[in-house]
Protein backbone atom coordinates (compact mmCIF):
# COMPACT_ATOMS: atom_id res chain seq x y z
CA MET A 1 -3.97 -0.35 -13.05
CA THR A 2 -4.20 -1.13 -9.31
CA ASP A 3 -1.34 -1.63 -6.90
CA ASP A 4 -1.75 -5.22 -5.67
CA THR A 5 0.96 -4.66 -3.05
CA ALA A 6 -0.92 -1.84 -1.30
CA PRO A 7 -2.27 -2.78 2.15
CA ALA A 8 -6.01 -3.48 2.23
CA TRP A 9 -6.62 -0.61 4.69
CA ARG A 10 -5.71 1.91 1.99
CA SER A 11 -8.98 1.07 0.21
CA TRP A 12 -11.22 1.45 3.27
CA LEU A 13 -14.05 3.96 2.99
CA PRO A 14 -15.21 6.31 5.74
CA GLY A 15 -17.67 4.58 8.04
CA ALA A 16 -16.02 1.15 7.94
CA ARG A 17 -15.63 -0.38 11.41
CA VAL A 18 -12.05 -1.55 11.86
CA VAL A 19 -9.36 -2.68 14.24
CA VAL A 20 -5.77 -1.58 13.61
CA ARG A 21 -2.77 -3.00 15.43
CA ARG A 22 -0.14 -0.29 15.52
CA ARG A 23 3.27 0.36 16.94
CA ARG A 24 2.98 2.46 20.07
CA ASP A 25 4.05 6.05 19.67
CA ASP A 26 5.21 6.34 23.25
CA ALA A 27 8.20 4.58 24.82
CA PRO A 28 6.79 1.45 26.48
CA ALA A 29 8.45 0.45 29.73
CA PRO A 30 10.45 -2.79 29.74
CA GLY A 31 8.06 -5.72 29.63
CA GLU A 32 5.17 -3.69 28.18
CA PRO A 33 3.89 -4.62 24.72
CA PRO A 34 5.27 -2.54 21.84
CA TYR A 35 1.86 -2.53 20.10
CA THR A 36 -1.65 -1.28 20.82
CA ASP A 37 -5.00 -1.71 19.05
CA VAL A 38 -7.28 1.01 17.72
CA LEU A 39 -10.94 -0.02 17.33
CA GLY A 40 -13.51 2.24 15.73
CA ASP A 41 -14.90 3.78 12.57
CA VAL A 42 -12.75 5.08 9.73
CA LEU A 43 -13.02 8.82 9.20
CA ALA A 44 -10.34 9.23 6.53
CA VAL A 45 -7.59 7.33 4.69
CA ASP A 46 -4.71 8.81 2.72
CA ASP A 47 -1.11 8.02 1.84
CA THR A 48 0.11 9.15 5.27
CA GLY A 49 -2.20 6.87 7.27
CA LEU A 50 -5.72 6.77 8.58
CA LEU A 51 -7.97 8.54 11.05
CA VAL A 52 -10.21 6.36 13.24
CA ARG A 53 -12.98 7.54 15.58
CA THR A 54 -12.84 5.47 18.78
CA ARG A 55 -14.91 5.68 21.97
CA ARG A 56 -12.19 7.90 23.45
CA GLY A 57 -11.85 10.21 20.47
CA ASP A 58 -10.22 10.44 17.07
CA VAL A 59 -6.90 8.62 16.61
CA ARG A 60 -4.46 9.32 13.78
CA VAL A 61 -2.50 6.19 12.81
CA PRO A 62 0.55 6.87 10.63
CA ALA A 63 0.96 4.42 7.75
CA ALA A 64 4.42 3.41 8.99
CA ASP A 65 2.93 2.32 12.36
CA VAL A 66 0.25 -0.03 10.96
CA VAL A 67 1.20 -3.65 11.69
CA LEU A 68 -2.14 -5.42 11.04
CA ALA A 69 -5.55 -4.11 10.08
CA LYS A 70 -8.95 -5.61 9.34
CA THR A 71 -12.61 -4.74 9.17
CA VAL A 72 -14.83 -5.98 11.99
CA PRO A 73 -18.59 -6.39 12.44
CA PRO A 74 -20.71 -3.71 14.10
CA PRO A 75 -20.72 -3.69 17.91
CA PRO A 76 -23.37 -5.79 19.61
CA ALA A 77 -26.58 -4.05 20.56
CA ARG A 78 -26.63 -2.72 24.10
CA ARG A 79 -28.81 -4.71 26.44
CA ARG A 80 -31.62 -2.92 28.14
CA ARG A 81 -31.52 -2.66 31.90
CA HIS A 82 -34.50 -4.12 33.70
């Protein structure tokens, strides 16, 4: 039996390209947004959250901090310089 109330991100497989809106883990200054986005490839998913490889490195997103999450298409091909 499956848990229909589980968030979709819990079923993601490594390699999926995703964007995750998460609560910031720092203390944003007044007027700064309380959320940030993590864009990259899933490395691992478990009950505690997920690990995403971004351009800047690997980011651990705790399950409690996930606000929205979805899969996204691959990045566009880089254009060649002339």
